[in-house]
Amino acid sequence: MALFPKNSRYTLGAKIDSLFLEVIELIIKASYSSKAEKFISLANGSFKLDLLKFFLQVAWDVKSLDNKKYILLSEKLDEIGKMLGGWIKSIK
């Protein structure tokens, strides 16, 4: 969050930080849950991941995030999304 400009740090930056943590929490929760609870946690994690991607794009659009960082983060989040999708399919 320290890399964000001051005008975005406590709004957009805080939201992105919060979503990162929520996605991590939901994935860890899913790994310790029963099959039914696992699906719910993974579905919620996938939703939060999509929100995270959206807010990162907003940060990039308003120039709070440079191209290099945005591309790097987007690639990693896409990879996580594919892994989550595969995990969700495997438990359906």
PDB file of N, CA and C in Angstrom:
ATOM      1  N   MET A   1       0.824  -1.181   0.000  1.00  0.00           N
ATOM      2  CA  MET A   1       0.000   0.000   0.000  1.00  0.00           C
ATOM      3  C   MET A   1       0.872   1.249   0.000  1.00  0.00           C
ATOM      4  N   ALA A   2       2.066   1.165   0.500  1.00  0.00           N
ATOM      5  CA  ALA A   2       2.945   2.331   0.547  1.00  0.00           C
ATOM      6  C   ALA A   2       3.316   2.816  -0.849  1.00  0.00           C
ATOM      7  N   LEU A   3       3.173   1.962  -1.866  1.00  0.00           N
ATOM      8  CA  LEU A   3       3.517   2.349  -3.230  1.00  0.00           C
ATOM      9  C   LEU A   3       2.408   3.157  -3.899  1.00  0.00           C
ATOM     10  N   PHE A   4       1.237   3.177  -3.316  1.00  0.00           N
ATOM     11  CA  PHE A   4       0.124   3.933  -3.872  1.00  0.00           C
ATOM     12  C   PHE A   4       0.299   5.411  -3.585  1.00  0.00           C
ATOM     13  N   PRO A   5      -0.156   6.263  -4.509  1.00  0.00           N
ATOM     14  CA  PRO A   5      -0.154   7.699  -4.218  1.00  0.00           C
ATOM     15  C   PRO A   5      -1.034   7.982  -3.002  1.00  0.00           C
ATOM     16  N   LYS A   6      -0.705   9.022  -2.297  1.00  0.00           N
ATOM     17  CA  LYS A   6      -1.397   9.331  -1.047  1.00  0.00           C
ATOM     18  C   LYS A   6      -2.911   9.469  -1.217  1.00  0.00           C
ATOM     19  N   ASN A   7      -3.358  10.029  -2.334  1.00  0.00           N
ATOM     20  CA  ASN A   7      -4.792  10.235  -2.521  1.00  0.00           C
ATOM     21  C   ASN A   7      -5.573   8.935  -2.728  1.00  0.00           C
ATOM     22  N   SER A   8      -4.898   7.843  -3.095  1.00  0.00           N
ATOM     23  CA  SER A   8      -5.562   6.549  -3.290  1.00  0.00           C
ATOM     24  C   SER A   8      -5.235   5.538  -2.199  1.00  0.00           C
ATOM     25  N   ARG A   9      -4.252   5.833  -1.390  1.00  0.00           N
ATOM     26  CA  ARG A   9      -3.719   4.860  -0.438  1.00  0.00           C
ATOM     27  C   ARG A   9      -4.761   4.360   0.556  1.00  0.00           C
ATOM     28  N   TYR A  10      -5.562   5.258   1.084  1.00  0.00           N
ATOM     29  CA  TYR A  10      -6.473   4.864   2.155  1.00  0.00           C
ATOM     30  C   TYR A  10      -7.870   4.548   1.653  1.00  0.00           C
ATOM     31  N   THR A  11      -8.062   4.570   0.360  1.00  0.00           N
ATOM     32  CA  THR A  11      -9.350   4.186  -0.206  1.00  0.00           C
ATOM     33  C   THR A  11      -9.158   2.945  -1.054  1.00  0.00           C
ATOM     34  N   LEU A  12      -8.664   3.140  -2.244  1.00  0.00           N
ATOM     35  CA  LEU A  12      -8.462   2.048  -3.185  1.00  0.00           C
ATOM     36  C   LEU A  12      -7.392   1.072  -2.693  1.00  0.00           C
ATOM     37  N   GLY A  13      -6.306   1.584  -2.194  1.00  0.00           N
ATOM     38  CA  GLY A  13      -5.228   0.721  -1.697  1.00  0.00           C
ATOM     39  C   GLY A  13      -5.675  -0.139  -0.525  1.00  0.00           C
ATOM     40  N   ALA A  14      -6.419   0.436   0.381  1.00  0.00           N
ATOM     41  CA  ALA A  14      -6.916  -0.316   1.544  1.00  0.00           C
ATOM     42  C   ALA A  14      -7.893  -1.397   1.101  1.00  0.00           C
ATOM     43  N   LYS A  15      -8.746  -1.095   0.121  1.00  0.00           N
ATOM     44  CA  LYS A  15      -9.707  -2.079  -0.388  1.00  0.00           C
ATOM     45  C   LYS A  15      -8.970  -3.244  -1.037  1.00  0.00           C
ATOM     46  N   ILE A  16      -7.961  -2.953  -1.816  1.00  0.00           N
ATOM     47  CA  ILE A  16      -7.184  -4.004  -2.474  1.00  0.00           C
ATOM     48  C   ILE A  16      -6.465  -4.866  -1.443  1.00  0.00           C
ATOM     49  N   ASP A  17      -5.851  -4.244  -0.454  1.00  0.00           N
ATOM     50  CA  ASP A  17      -5.190  -5.001   0.620  1.00  0.00           C
ATOM     51  C   ASP A  17      -6.179  -5.919   1.320  1.00  0.00           C
ATOM     52  N   SER A  18      -7.343  -5.398   1.622  1.00  0.00           N
ATOM     53  CA  SER A  18      -8.374  -6.163   2.311  1.00  0.00           C
ATOM     54  C   SER A  18      -8.814  -7.369   1.477  1.00  0.00           C
ATOM     55  N   LEU A  19      -9.015  -7.155   0.189  1.00  0.00           N
ATOM     56  CA  LEU A  19      -9.434  -8.260  -0.680  1.00  0.00           C
ATOM     57  C   LEU A  19      -8.346  -9.324  -0.809  1.00  0.00           C
ATOM     58  N   PHE A  20      -7.088  -8.905  -0.897  1.00  0.00           N
ATOM     59  CA  PHE A  20      -5.988  -9.876  -0.925  1.00  0.00           C
ATOM     60  C   PHE A  20      -6.061 -10.787   0.300  1.00  0.00           C
ATOM     61  N   LEU A  21      -6.213 -10.188   1.460  1.00  0.00           N
ATOM     62  CA  LEU A  21      -6.265 -10.963   2.694  1.00  0.00           C
ATOM     63  C   LEU A  21      -7.492 -11.872   2.750  1.00  0.00           C
ATOM     64  N   GLU A  22      -8.631 -11.371   2.292  1.00  0.00           N
ATOM     65  CA  GLU A  22      -9.848 -12.190   2.299  1.00  0.00           C
ATOM     66  C   GLU A  22      -9.704 -13.406   1.384  1.00  0.00           C
ATOM     67  N   VAL A  23      -9.108 -13.219   0.217  1.00  0.00           N
ATOM     68  CA  VAL A  23      -8.906 -14.341  -0.704  1.00  0.00           C
ATOM     69  C   VAL A  23      -8.004 -15.389  -0.051  1.00  0.00           C
ATOM     70  N   ILE A  24      -6.924 -14.958   0.555  1.00  0.00           N
ATOM     71  CA  ILE A  24      -6.010 -15.886   1.229  1.00  0.00           C
ATOM     72  C   ILE A  24      -6.719 -16.623   2.349  1.00  0.00           C
ATOM     73  N   GLU A  25      -7.483 -15.898   3.165  1.00  0.00           N
ATOM     74  CA  GLU A  25      -8.220 -16.513   4.273  1.00  0.00           C
ATOM     75  C   GLU A  25      -9.205 -17.560   3.765  1.00  0.00           C
ATOM     76  N   LEU A  26      -9.933 -17.254   2.712  1.00  0.00           N
ATOM     77  CA  LEU A  26     -10.928 -18.191   2.191  1.00  0.00           C
ATOM     78  C   LEU A  26     -10.273 -19.437   1.604  1.00  0.00           C
ATOM     79  N   ILE A  27      -9.130 -19.286   0.958  1.00  0.00           N
ATOM     80  CA  ILE A  27      -8.427 -20.445   0.404  1.00  0.00           C
ATOM     81  C   ILE A  27      -7.901 -21.336   1.528  1.00  0.00           C
ATOM     82  N   ILE A  28      -7.341 -20.727   2.552  1.00  0.00           N
ATOM     83  CA  ILE A  28      -6.848 -21.518   3.687  1.00  0.00           C
ATOM     84  C   ILE A  28      -8.010 -22.197   4.398  1.00  0.00           C
ATOM     85  N   LYS A  29      -9.109 -21.477   4.581  1.00  0.00           N
ATOM     86  CA  LYS A  29     -10.299 -22.060   5.215  1.00  0.00           C
ATOM     87  C   LYS A  29     -10.792 -23.258   4.417  1.00  0.00           C
ATOM     88  N   ALA A  30     -10.808 -23.135   3.089  1.00  0.00           N
ATOM     89  CA  ALA A  30     -11.263 -24.230   2.233  1.00  0.00           C
ATOM     90  C   ALA A  30     -10.392 -25.468   2.391  1.00  0.00           C
ATOM     91  N   SER A  31      -9.107 -25.267   2.573  1.00  0.00           N
ATOM     92  CA  SER A  31      -8.204 -26.418   2.685  1.00  0.00           C
ATOM     93  C   SER A  31      -8.444 -27.231   3.952  1.00  0.00           C
ATOM     94  N   TYR A  32      -9.102 -26.643   4.950  1.00  0.00           N
ATOM     95  CA  TYR A  32      -9.378 -27.338   6.202  1.00  0.00           C
ATOM     96  C   TYR A  32     -10.850 -27.713   6.355  1.00  0.00           C
ATOM     97  N   SER A  33     -11.668 -27.466   5.330  1.00  0.00           N
ATOM     98  CA  SER A  33     -13.107 -27.650   5.445  1.00  0.00           C
ATOM     99  C   SER A  33     -13.571 -28.965   4.847  1.00  0.00           C
ATOM    100  N   SER A  34     -14.801 -29.337   5.225  1.00  0.00           N
ATOM    101  CA  SER A  34     -15.448 -30.488   4.608  1.00  0.00           C
ATOM    102  C   SER A  34     -15.805 -30.132   3.172  1.00  0.00           C
ATOM    103  N   LYS A  35     -16.226 -31.129   2.397  1.00  0.00           N
ATOM    104  CA  LYS A  35     -16.492 -30.907   0.975  1.00  0.00           C
ATOM    105  C   LYS A  35     -17.551 -29.812   0.747  1.00  0.00           C
ATOM    106  N   ALA A  36     -18.640 -29.844   1.498  1.00  0.00           N
ATOM    107  CA  ALA A  36     -19.709 -28.848   1.323  1.00  0.00           C
ATOM    108  C   ALA A  36     -19.218 -27.452   1.704  1.00  0.00           C
ATOM    109  N   GLU A  37     -18.534 -27.351   2.823  1.00  0.00           N
ATOM    110  CA  GLU A  37     -18.011 -26.052   3.253  1.00  0.00           C
ATOM    111  C   GLU A  37     -16.887 -25.581   2.331  1.00  0.00           C
ATOM    112  N   LYS A  38     -16.130 -26.532   1.810  1.00  0.00           N
ATOM    113  CA  LYS A  38     -15.023 -26.211   0.904  1.00  0.00           C
ATOM    114  C   LYS A  38     -15.550 -25.485  -0.340  1.00  0.00           C
ATOM    115  N   PHE A  39     -16.653 -26.012  -0.900  1.00  0.00           N
ATOM    116  CA  PHE A  39     -17.222 -25.395  -2.093  1.00  0.00           C
ATOM    117  C   PHE A  39     -17.639 -23.951  -1.820  1.00  0.00           C
ATOM    118  N   ILE A  40     -18.283 -23.724  -0.693  1.00  0.00           N
ATOM    119  CA  ILE A  40     -18.728 -22.370  -0.334  1.00  0.00           C
ATOM    120  C   ILE A  40     -17.532 -21.430  -0.183  1.00  0.00           C
ATOM    121  N   SER A  41     -16.505 -21.871   0.526  1.00  0.00           N
ATOM    122  CA  SER A  41     -15.313 -21.042   0.716  1.00  0.00           C
ATOM    123  C   SER A  41     -14.623 -20.738  -0.613  1.00  0.00           C
ATOM    124  N   LEU A  42     -14.538 -21.751  -1.472  1.00  0.00           N
ATOM    125  CA  LEU A  42     -13.880 -21.550  -2.767  1.00  0.00           C
ATOM    126  C   LEU A  42     -14.698 -20.632  -3.672  1.00  0.00           C
ATOM    127  N   ALA A  43     -16.022 -20.780  -3.650  1.00  0.00           N
ATOM    128  CA  ALA A  43     -16.875 -19.900  -4.452  1.00  0.00           C
ATOM    129  C   ALA A  43     -16.746 -18.457  -3.966  1.00  0.00           C
ATOM    130  N   ASN A  44     -16.737 -18.270  -2.648  1.00  0.00           N
ATOM    131  CA  ASN A  44     -16.546 -16.930  -2.094  1.00  0.00           C
ATOM    132  C   ASN A  44     -15.162 -16.387  -2.440  1.00  0.00           C
ATOM    133  N   GLY A  45     -14.157 -17.250  -2.371  1.00  0.00           N
ATOM    134  CA  GLY A  45     -12.796 -16.847  -2.723  1.00  0.00           C
ATOM    135  C   GLY A  45     -12.690 -16.434  -4.181  1.00  0.00           C
ATOM    136  N   SER A  46     -13.368 -17.169  -5.049  1.00  0.00           N
ATOM    137  CA  SER A  46     -13.366 -16.849  -6.470  1.00  0.00           C
ATOM    138  C   SER A  46     -14.046 -15.497  -6.714  1.00  0.00           C
ATOM    139  N   PHE A  47     -15.148 -15.247  -6.024  1.00  0.00           N
ATOM    140  CA  PHE A  47     -15.842 -13.963  -6.136  1.00  0.00           C
ATOM    141  C   PHE A  47     -14.941 -12.815  -5.664  1.00  0.00           C
ATOM    142  N   LYS A  48     -14.295 -13.003  -4.511  1.00  0.00           N
ATOM    143  CA  LYS A  48     -13.414 -11.961  -3.967  1.00  0.00           C
ATOM    144  C   LYS A  48     -12.223 -11.735  -4.903  1.00  0.00           C
ATOM    145  N   LEU A  49     -11.739 -12.804  -5.522  1.00  0.00           N
ATOM    146  CA  LEU A  49     -10.634 -12.678  -6.473  1.00  0.00           C
ATOM    147  C   LEU A  49     -11.051 -11.835  -7.675  1.00  0.00           C
ATOM    148  N   ASP A  50     -12.275 -12.050  -8.161  1.00  0.00           N
ATOM    149  CA  ASP A  50     -12.774 -11.234  -9.268  1.00  0.00           C
ATOM    150  C   ASP A  50     -12.890  -9.769  -8.855  1.00  0.00           C
ATOM    151  N   LEU A  51     -13.358  -9.520  -7.634  1.00  0.00           N
ATOM    152  CA  LEU A  51     -13.410  -8.147  -7.127  1.00  0.00           C
ATOM    153  C   LEU A  51     -12.008  -7.543  -7.049  1.00  0.00           C
ATOM    154  N   LEU A  52     -11.061  -8.333  -6.576  1.00  0.00           N
ATOM    155  CA  LEU A  52      -9.675  -7.871  -6.473  1.00  0.00           C
ATOM    156  C   LEU A  52      -9.141  -7.481  -7.846  1.00  0.00           C
ATOM    157  N   LYS A  53      -9.382  -8.316  -8.840  1.00  0.00           N
ATOM    158  CA  LYS A  53      -8.939  -8.008 -10.205  1.00  0.00           C
ATOM    159  C   LYS A  53      -9.569  -6.700 -10.684  1.00  0.00           C
ATOM    160  N   PHE A  54     -10.858  -6.526 -10.394  1.00  0.00           N
ATOM    161  CA  PHE A  54     -11.550  -5.309 -10.801  1.00  0.00           C
ATOM    162  C   PHE A  54     -10.917  -4.077 -10.162  1.00  0.00           C
ATOM    163  N   PHE A  55     -10.682  -4.126  -8.842  1.00  0.00           N
ATOM    164  CA  PHE A  55     -10.122  -2.957  -8.162  1.00  0.00           C
ATOM    165  C   PHE A  55      -8.675  -2.691  -8.576  1.00  0.00           C
ATOM    166  N   LEU A  56      -7.944  -3.741  -8.911  1.00  0.00           N
ATOM    167  CA  LEU A  56      -6.590  -3.518  -9.447  1.00  0.00           C
ATOM    168  C   LEU A  56      -6.661  -2.816 -10.799  1.00  0.00           C
ATOM    169  N   GLN A  57      -7.637  -3.192 -11.618  1.00  0.00           N
ATOM    170  CA  GLN A  57      -7.791  -2.522 -12.901  1.00  0.00           C
ATOM    171  C   GLN A  57      -8.172  -1.055 -12.702  1.00  0.00           C
ATOM    172  N   VAL A  58      -9.034  -0.790 -11.723  1.00  0.00           N
ATOM    173  CA  VAL A  58      -9.386   0.594 -11.420  1.00  0.00           C
ATOM    174  C   VAL A  58      -8.139   1.359 -10.984  1.00  0.00           C
ATOM    175  N   ALA A  59      -7.327   0.746 -10.129  1.00  0.00           N
ATOM    176  CA  ALA A  59      -6.096   1.394  -9.671  1.00  0.00           C
ATOM    177  C   ALA A  59      -5.174   1.696 -10.850  1.00  0.00           C
ATOM    178  N   TRP A  60      -5.104   0.783 -11.787  1.00  0.00           N
ATOM    179  CA  TRP A  60      -4.286   0.994 -12.974  1.00  0.00           C
ATOM    180  C   TRP A  60      -4.881   2.106 -13.846  1.00  0.00           C
ATOM    181  N   ASP A  61      -6.212   2.092 -13.997  1.00  0.00           N
ATOM    182  CA  ASP A  61      -6.892   3.113 -14.815  1.00  0.00           C
ATOM    183  C   ASP A  61      -6.683   4.524 -14.273  1.00  0.00           C
ATOM    184  N   VAL A  62      -6.649   4.665 -12.949  1.00  0.00           N
ATOM    185  CA  VAL A  62      -6.474   6.001 -12.361  1.00  0.00           C
ATOM    186  C   VAL A  62      -4.999   6.314 -12.110  1.00  0.00           C
ATOM    187  N   LYS A  63      -4.131   5.467 -12.657  1.00  0.00           N
ATOM    188  CA  LYS A  63      -2.674   5.664 -12.590  1.00  0.00           C
ATOM    189  C   LYS A  63      -2.091   5.560 -11.178  1.00  0.00           C
ATOM    190  N   SER A  64      -2.786   4.802 -10.306  1.00  0.00           N
ATOM    191  CA  SER A  64      -2.235   4.541  -8.980  1.00  0.00           C
ATOM    192  C   SER A  64      -1.288   3.342  -9.017  1.00  0.00           C
ATOM    193  N   LEU A  65      -1.307   2.617 -10.119  1.00  0.00           N
ATOM    194  CA  LEU A  65      -0.499   1.414 -10.284  1.00  0.00           C
ATOM    195  C   LEU A  65       0.115   1.484 -11.680  1.00  0.00           C
ATOM    196  N   ASP A  66       1.434   1.322 -11.768  1.00  0.00           N
ATOM    197  CA  ASP A  66       2.068   1.409 -13.084  1.00  0.00           C
ATOM    198  C   ASP A  66       1.865   0.122 -13.880  1.00  0.00           C
ATOM    199  N   ASN A  67       2.167   0.195 -15.167  1.00  0.00           N
ATOM    200  CA  ASN A  67       1.928  -0.926 -16.080  1.00  0.00           C
ATOM    201  C   ASN A  67       2.636  -2.206 -15.654  1.00  0.00           C
ATOM    202  N   LYS A  68       3.887  -2.081 -15.282  1.00  0.00           N
ATOM    203  CA  LYS A  68       4.689  -3.259 -14.937  1.00  0.00           C
ATOM    204  C   LYS A  68       4.088  -3.997 -13.736  1.00  0.00           C
ATOM    205  N   LYS A  69       3.740  -3.264 -12.695  1.00  0.00           N
ATOM    206  CA  LYS A  69       3.154  -3.887 -11.500  1.00  0.00           C
ATOM    207  C   LYS A  69       1.782  -4.472 -11.801  1.00  0.00           C
ATOM    208  N   TYR A  70       1.002  -3.748 -12.593  1.00  0.00           N
ATOM    209  CA  TYR A  70      -0.333  -4.223 -12.939  1.00  0.00           C
ATOM    210  C   TYR A  70      -0.258  -5.531 -13.723  1.00  0.00           C
ATOM    211  N   ILE A  71       0.632  -5.595 -14.698  1.00  0.00           N
ATOM    212  CA  ILE A  71       0.783  -6.803 -15.515  1.00  0.00           C
ATOM    213  C   ILE A  71       1.237  -7.976 -14.651  1.00  0.00           C
ATOM    214  N   LEU A  72       2.223  -7.746 -13.807  1.00  0.00           N
ATOM    215  CA  LEU A  72       2.727  -8.805 -12.938  1.00  0.00           C
ATOM    216  C   LEU A  72       1.629  -9.334 -12.013  1.00  0.00           C
ATOM    217  N   LEU A  73       0.919  -8.429 -11.361  1.00  0.00           N
ATOM    218  CA  LEU A  73      -0.161  -8.842 -10.458  1.00  0.00           C
ATOM    219  C   LEU A  73      -1.285  -9.542 -11.216  1.00  0.00           C
ATOM    220  N   SER A  74      -1.652  -9.024 -12.374  1.00  0.00           N
ATOM    221  CA  SER A  74      -2.731  -9.623 -13.157  1.00  0.00           C
ATOM    222  C   SER A  74      -2.395 -11.043 -13.584  1.00  0.00           C
ATOM    223  N   GLU A  75      -1.167 -11.259 -14.002  1.00  0.00           N
ATOM    224  CA  GLU A  75      -0.757 -12.605 -14.414  1.00  0.00           C
ATOM    225  C   GLU A  75      -0.854 -13.585 -13.251  1.00  0.00           C
ATOM    226  N   LYS A  76      -0.373 -13.164 -12.086  1.00  0.00           N
ATOM    227  CA  LYS A  76      -0.415 -14.034 -10.908  1.00  0.00           C
ATOM    228  C   LYS A  76      -1.856 -14.304 -10.477  1.00  0.00           C
ATOM    229  N   LEU A  77      -2.700 -13.274 -10.510  1.00  0.00           N
ATOM    230  CA  LEU A  77      -4.095 -13.450 -10.109  1.00  0.00           C
ATOM    231  C   LEU A  77      -4.861 -14.320 -11.101  1.00  0.00           C
ATOM    232  N   ASP A  78      -4.528 -14.217 -12.387  1.00  0.00           N
ATOM    233  CA  ASP A  78      -5.146 -15.099 -13.380  1.00  0.00           C
ATOM    234  C   ASP A  78      -4.772 -16.548 -13.112  1.00  0.00           C
ATOM    235  N   GLU A  79      -3.527 -16.783 -12.760  1.00  0.00           N
ATOM    236  CA  GLU A  79      -3.063 -18.131 -12.440  1.00  0.00           C
ATOM    237  C   GLU A  79      -3.795 -18.676 -11.211  1.00  0.00           C
ATOM    238  N   ILE A  80      -3.946 -17.842 -10.197  1.00  0.00           N
ATOM    239  CA  ILE A  80      -4.683 -18.244  -8.998  1.00  0.00           C
ATOM    240  C   ILE A  80      -6.135 -18.548  -9.346  1.00  0.00           C
ATOM    241  N   GLY A  81      -6.722 -17.725 -10.213  1.00  0.00           N
ATOM    242  CA  GLY A  81      -8.099 -17.946 -10.642  1.00  0.00           C
ATOM    243  C   GLY A  81      -8.270 -19.290 -11.340  1.00  0.00           C
ATOM    244  N   LYS A  82      -7.328 -19.653 -12.187  1.00  0.00           N
ATOM    245  CA  LYS A  82      -7.380 -20.946 -12.877  1.00  0.00           C
ATOM    246  C   LYS A  82      -7.269 -22.091 -11.875  1.00  0.00           C
ATOM    247  N   MET A  83      -6.394 -21.923 -10.898  1.00  0.00           N
ATOM    248  CA  MET A  83      -6.239 -22.963  -9.883  1.00  0.00           C
ATOM    249  C   MET A  83      -7.515 -23.104  -9.047  1.00  0.00           C
ATOM    250  N   LEU A  84      -8.099 -21.981  -8.668  1.00  0.00           N
ATOM    251  CA  LEU A  84      -9.354 -22.015  -7.915  1.00  0.00           C
ATOM    252  C   LEU A  84     -10.467 -22.665  -8.738  1.00  0.00           C
ATOM    253  N   GLY A  85     -10.559 -22.308 -10.005  1.00  0.00           N
ATOM    254  CA  GLY A  85     -11.556 -22.890 -10.879  1.00  0.00           C
ATOM    255  C   GLY A  85     -11.411 -24.399 -10.991  1.00  0.00           C
ATOM    256  N   GLY A  86     -10.184 -24.861 -11.121  1.00  0.00           N
ATOM    257  CA  GLY A  86      -9.929 -26.299 -11.177  1.00  0.00           C
ATOM    258  C   GLY A  86     -10.305 -27.002  -9.892  1.00  0.00           C
ATOM    259  N   TRP A  87     -10.015 -26.365  -8.759  1.00  0.00           N
ATOM    260  CA  TRP A  87     -10.346 -26.919  -7.450  1.00  0.00           C
ATOM    261  C   TRP A  87     -11.857 -26.995  -7.294  1.00  0.00           C
ATOM    262  N   ILE A  88     -12.554 -25.949  -7.708  1.00  0.00           N
ATOM    263  CA  ILE A  88     -14.013 -25.925  -7.608  1.00  0.00           C
ATOM    264  C   ILE A  88     -14.617 -27.043  -8.492  1.00  0.00           C
ATOM    265  N   LYS A  89     -14.122 -27.190  -9.715  1.00  0.00           N
ATOM    266  CA  LYS A  89     -14.624 -28.241 -10.605  1.00  0.00           C
ATOM    267  C   LYS A  89     -14.393 -29.630 -10.026  1.00  0.00           C
ATOM    268  N   SER A  90     -13.256 -29.799  -9.361  1.00  0.00           N
ATOM    269  CA  SER A  90     -12.922 -31.129  -8.836  1.00  0.00           C
ATOM    270  C   SER A  90     -13.807 -31.554  -7.671  1.00  0.00           C
ATOM    271  N   ILE A  91     -14.428 -30.599  -6.976  1.00  0.00           N
ATOM    272  CA  ILE A  91     -15.271 -30.984  -5.839  1.00  0.00           C
ATOM    273  C   ILE A  91     -16.766 -30.963  -6.169  1.00  0.00           C
ATOM    274  N   LYS A  92     -17.115 -30.529  -7.371  1.00  0.00           N
ATOM    275  CA  LYS A  92     -18.535 -30.517  -7.763  1.00  0.00           C
ATOM    276  C   LYS A  92     -19.044 -31.920  -7.988  1.00  0.00           C
TER     277      LYS A  92
END
